Amino acid sequence: PIKKALHAQEQRFGSVYFNSFMTPDQITTYCKLTDSAEELIKLAFNKLNLSMRGYHKIIKVARTIADLAEAELIDAPHMREAIMY
């Protein structure tokens, strides 16, 4: 699964580049959330008093978890796991 996730990131960015390096604009482009995942991150943002930096870090981790699951969209299980980390 790890090789597939790395391959997905290479395909996404066109080079050896990792999700952790994404800019806010790239997060908007490459981190599409399902409605349930979006609800979870909004709830976490408010309950945990996240900064935008923290918000973006969670989304980047969720994108990587979705890559490991070979999922195009970030779904609620990916977001829940990312929030736990």
N, C-alpha and C. Protein backbone atom coordinates (compact mmCIF):
# COMPACT_ATOMS: atom_id res chain seq x y z
N PRO A 1 0.81 -1.22 0.00
CA PRO A 1 0.00 0.00 0.00
C PRO A 1 0.85 1.27 0.00
N ILE A 2 2.01 1.22 0.63
CA ILE A 2 2.83 2.43 0.71
C ILE A 2 3.35 2.82 -0.66
N LYS A 3 3.78 1.85 -1.43
CA LYS A 3 4.26 2.16 -2.79
C LYS A 3 3.14 2.76 -3.63
N LYS A 4 1.92 2.25 -3.47
CA LYS A 4 0.78 2.79 -4.21
C LYS A 4 0.49 4.22 -3.78
N ALA A 5 0.60 4.50 -2.49
CA ALA A 5 0.36 5.86 -1.99
C ALA A 5 1.43 6.81 -2.52
N LEU A 6 2.68 6.37 -2.52
CA LEU A 6 3.74 7.21 -3.07
C LEU A 6 3.55 7.44 -4.56
N HIS A 7 3.11 6.40 -5.26
CA HIS A 7 2.85 6.53 -6.69
C HIS A 7 1.70 7.52 -6.94
N ALA A 8 0.65 7.46 -6.11
CA ALA A 8 -0.47 8.39 -6.24
C ALA A 8 0.00 9.83 -6.06
N GLN A 9 0.89 10.05 -5.09
CA GLN A 9 1.41 11.40 -4.86
C GLN A 9 2.29 11.85 -6.02
N GLU A 10 3.08 10.94 -6.55
CA GLU A 10 3.92 11.28 -7.70
C GLU A 10 3.06 11.63 -8.91
N GLN A 11 1.99 10.88 -9.13
CA GLN A 11 1.08 11.17 -10.24
C GLN A 11 0.39 12.51 -10.04
N ARG A 12 0.00 12.79 -8.82
CA ARG A 12 -0.72 14.03 -8.50
C ARG A 12 0.14 15.26 -8.76
N PHE A 13 1.38 15.20 -8.34
CA PHE A 13 2.24 16.37 -8.40
C PHE A 13 3.21 16.38 -9.57
N GLY A 14 3.34 15.26 -10.26
CA GLY A 14 4.20 15.19 -11.42
C GLY A 14 5.68 15.05 -11.10
N SER A 15 6.01 14.82 -9.85
CA SER A 15 7.39 14.63 -9.45
C SER A 15 7.40 13.99 -8.07
N VAL A 16 8.58 13.79 -7.54
CA VAL A 16 8.70 13.26 -6.19
C VAL A 16 8.37 14.41 -5.24
N TYR A 17 7.19 14.37 -4.74
CA TYR A 17 6.65 15.46 -3.93
C TYR A 17 5.64 14.80 -3.00
N PHE A 18 5.61 15.22 -1.77
CA PHE A 18 4.75 14.55 -0.80
C PHE A 18 3.59 15.45 -0.39
N ASN A 19 2.52 14.81 0.09
CA ASN A 19 1.35 15.57 0.54
C ASN A 19 1.71 16.59 1.61
N SER A 20 2.69 16.27 2.42
CA SER A 20 3.06 17.19 3.51
C SER A 20 3.60 18.52 3.00
N PHE A 21 4.03 18.58 1.73
CA PHE A 21 4.57 19.82 1.16
C PHE A 21 3.51 20.69 0.49
N MET A 22 2.25 20.24 0.48
CA MET A 22 1.21 20.99 -0.23
C MET A 22 1.00 22.39 0.33
N THR A 23 0.80 23.32 -0.59
CA THR A 23 0.45 24.68 -0.22
C THR A 23 -1.07 24.74 -0.01
N PRO A 24 -1.58 25.81 0.59
CA PRO A 24 -3.04 25.93 0.74
C PRO A 24 -3.79 25.82 -0.58
N ASP A 25 -3.25 26.39 -1.66
CA ASP A 25 -3.90 26.28 -2.96
C ASP A 25 -3.95 24.82 -3.44
N GLN A 26 -2.87 24.08 -3.22
CA GLN A 26 -2.84 22.68 -3.61
C GLN A 26 -3.80 21.86 -2.76
N ILE A 27 -3.93 22.19 -1.49
CA ILE A 27 -4.89 21.50 -0.63
C ILE A 27 -6.29 21.66 -1.20
N THR A 28 -6.62 22.87 -1.61
CA THR A 28 -7.94 23.12 -2.20
C THR A 28 -8.13 22.29 -3.46
N THR A 29 -7.09 22.15 -4.26
CA THR A 29 -7.18 21.41 -5.52
C THR A 29 -7.21 19.90 -5.32
N TYR A 30 -6.35 19.37 -4.48
CA TYR A 30 -6.15 17.93 -4.39
C TYR A 30 -6.82 17.22 -3.22
N CYS A 31 -7.39 17.97 -2.31
CA CYS A 31 -7.98 17.36 -1.11
C CYS A 31 -9.49 17.55 -1.10
N LYS A 32 -10.16 16.84 -1.98
CA LYS A 32 -11.61 16.92 -2.06
C LYS A 32 -12.21 16.04 -0.96
N LEU A 33 -13.12 16.62 -0.20
CA LEU A 33 -13.73 15.94 0.94
C LEU A 33 -15.17 15.54 0.62
N THR A 34 -15.59 14.40 1.17
CA THR A 34 -17.00 14.06 1.12
C THR A 34 -17.72 14.97 2.12
N ASP A 35 -19.02 15.02 2.03
CA ASP A 35 -19.79 15.87 2.96
C ASP A 35 -19.54 15.47 4.41
N SER A 36 -19.50 14.17 4.67
CA SER A 36 -19.29 13.71 6.05
C SER A 36 -17.88 14.05 6.56
N ALA A 37 -16.89 13.98 5.69
CA ALA A 37 -15.53 14.36 6.08
C ALA A 37 -15.45 15.86 6.35
N GLU A 38 -16.14 16.64 5.55
CA GLU A 38 -16.16 18.08 5.75
C GLU A 38 -16.82 18.45 7.07
N GLU A 39 -17.91 17.77 7.41
CA GLU A 39 -18.57 18.00 8.70
C GLU A 39 -17.62 17.70 9.86
N LEU A 40 -16.88 16.60 9.75
CA LEU A 40 -15.94 16.21 10.81
C LEU A 40 -14.84 17.25 11.00
N ILE A 41 -14.24 17.72 9.92
CA ILE A 41 -13.14 18.68 10.07
C ILE A 41 -13.66 20.01 10.60
N LYS A 42 -14.86 20.40 10.23
CA LYS A 42 -15.44 21.64 10.77
C LYS A 42 -15.69 21.49 12.27
N LEU A 43 -16.22 20.34 12.67
CA LEU A 43 -16.46 20.09 14.09
C LEU A 43 -15.14 20.10 14.87
N ALA A 44 -14.12 19.44 14.33
CA ALA A 44 -12.81 19.41 14.99
C ALA A 44 -12.22 20.81 15.06
N PHE A 45 -12.37 21.58 13.99
CA PHE A 45 -11.83 22.95 13.96
C PHE A 45 -12.40 23.77 15.11
N ASN A 46 -13.70 23.65 15.31
CA ASN A 46 -14.35 24.42 16.38
C ASN A 46 -14.09 23.86 17.76
N LYS A 47 -14.20 22.54 17.92
CA LYS A 47 -14.04 21.92 19.25
C LYS A 47 -12.60 21.98 19.75
N LEU A 48 -11.64 21.81 18.83
CA LEU A 48 -10.23 21.78 19.22
C LEU A 48 -9.55 23.14 19.08
N ASN A 49 -10.31 24.15 18.67
CA ASN A 49 -9.76 25.49 18.47
C ASN A 49 -8.50 25.46 17.59
N LEU A 50 -8.63 24.81 16.45
CA LEU A 50 -7.50 24.67 15.54
C LEU A 50 -7.16 25.98 14.86
N SER A 51 -5.90 26.17 14.60
CA SER A 51 -5.46 27.26 13.74
C SER A 51 -5.61 26.77 12.30
N MET A 52 -5.47 27.67 11.35
CA MET A 52 -5.52 27.25 9.95
C MET A 52 -4.37 26.29 9.65
N ARG A 53 -3.24 26.50 10.29
CA ARG A 53 -2.10 25.60 10.10
C ARG A 53 -2.45 24.19 10.56
N GLY A 54 -3.08 24.08 11.73
CA GLY A 54 -3.51 22.79 12.24
C GLY A 54 -4.56 22.14 11.36
N TYR A 55 -5.48 22.95 10.88
CA TYR A 55 -6.54 22.49 9.96
C TYR A 55 -5.92 21.89 8.70
N HIS A 56 -4.96 22.61 8.12
CA HIS A 56 -4.30 22.13 6.91
C HIS A 56 -3.48 20.86 7.18
N LYS A 57 -2.83 20.78 8.33
CA LYS A 57 -2.05 19.59 8.64
C LYS A 57 -2.94 18.35 8.73
N ILE A 58 -4.11 18.50 9.34
CA ILE A 58 -5.03 17.37 9.44
C ILE A 58 -5.49 16.94 8.05
N ILE A 59 -5.80 17.89 7.20
CA ILE A 59 -6.25 17.55 5.86
C ILE A 59 -5.14 16.86 5.07
N LYS A 60 -3.89 17.29 5.23
CA LYS A 60 -2.78 16.63 4.54
C LYS A 60 -2.62 15.19 5.01
N VAL A 61 -2.75 14.96 6.31
CA VAL A 61 -2.66 13.60 6.84
C VAL A 61 -3.83 12.76 6.31
N ALA A 62 -5.02 13.34 6.29
CA ALA A 62 -6.19 12.63 5.77
C ALA A 62 -6.00 12.27 4.29
N ARG A 63 -5.38 13.17 3.52
CA ARG A 63 -5.11 12.89 2.10
C ARG A 63 -4.19 11.68 1.97
N THR A 64 -3.17 11.61 2.84
CA THR A 64 -2.24 10.48 2.81
C THR A 64 -2.94 9.19 3.19
N ILE A 65 -3.81 9.25 4.20
CA ILE A 65 -4.57 8.07 4.62
C ILE A 65 -5.47 7.62 3.47
N ALA A 66 -6.11 8.56 2.79
CA ALA A 66 -6.96 8.22 1.63
C ALA A 66 -6.11 7.62 0.51
N ASP A 67 -4.90 8.13 0.32
CA ASP A 67 -3.99 7.55 -0.69
C ASP A 67 -3.67 6.10 -0.34
N LEU A 68 -3.42 5.82 0.93
CA LEU A 68 -3.12 4.45 1.34
C LEU A 68 -4.31 3.53 1.09
N ALA A 69 -5.53 4.09 1.19
CA ALA A 69 -6.75 3.32 0.93
C ALA A 69 -7.13 3.33 -0.55
N GLU A 70 -6.30 3.98 -1.36
CA GLU A 70 -6.54 4.12 -2.80
C GLU A 70 -7.89 4.80 -3.09
N ALA A 71 -8.21 5.80 -2.28
CA ALA A 71 -9.46 6.54 -2.42
C ALA A 71 -9.19 7.89 -3.06
N GLU A 72 -10.05 8.26 -4.00
CA GLU A 72 -9.90 9.56 -4.67
C GLU A 72 -10.34 10.70 -3.75
N LEU A 73 -11.45 10.48 -3.03
CA LEU A 73 -11.97 11.49 -2.11
C LEU A 73 -11.57 11.17 -0.68
N ILE A 74 -11.42 12.19 0.12
CA ILE A 74 -11.18 12.00 1.55
C ILE A 74 -12.55 11.81 2.19
N ASP A 75 -12.73 10.66 2.85
CA ASP A 75 -14.01 10.34 3.46
C ASP A 75 -13.90 10.41 4.99
N ALA A 76 -15.03 10.26 5.66
CA ALA A 76 -15.08 10.38 7.12
C ALA A 76 -14.09 9.47 7.85
N PRO A 77 -13.95 8.19 7.47
CA PRO A 77 -12.97 7.35 8.19
C PRO A 77 -11.53 7.88 8.06
N HIS A 78 -11.18 8.42 6.90
CA HIS A 78 -9.84 8.98 6.72
C HIS A 78 -9.67 10.21 7.62
N MET A 79 -10.70 11.03 7.67
CA MET A 79 -10.63 12.25 8.47
C MET A 79 -10.58 11.92 9.96
N ARG A 80 -11.39 10.94 10.38
CA ARG A 80 -11.37 10.56 11.81
C ARG A 80 -9.99 10.09 12.23
N GLU A 81 -9.37 9.27 11.39
CA GLU A 81 -8.03 8.77 11.71
C GLU A 81 -7.03 9.90 11.76
N ALA A 82 -7.11 10.82 10.82
CA ALA A 82 -6.18 11.97 10.79
C ALA A 82 -6.36 12.84 12.02
N ILE A 83 -7.58 13.06 12.44
CA ILE A 83 -7.83 13.88 13.63
C ILE A 83 -7.26 13.21 14.87
N MET A 84 -7.35 11.88 14.92
CA MET A 84 -6.79 11.16 16.09
C MET A 84 -5.28 11.33 16.18
N TYR A 85 -4.61 11.44 15.02
CA TYR A 85 -3.16 11.62 15.04
C TYR A 85 -2.82 13.01 15.48
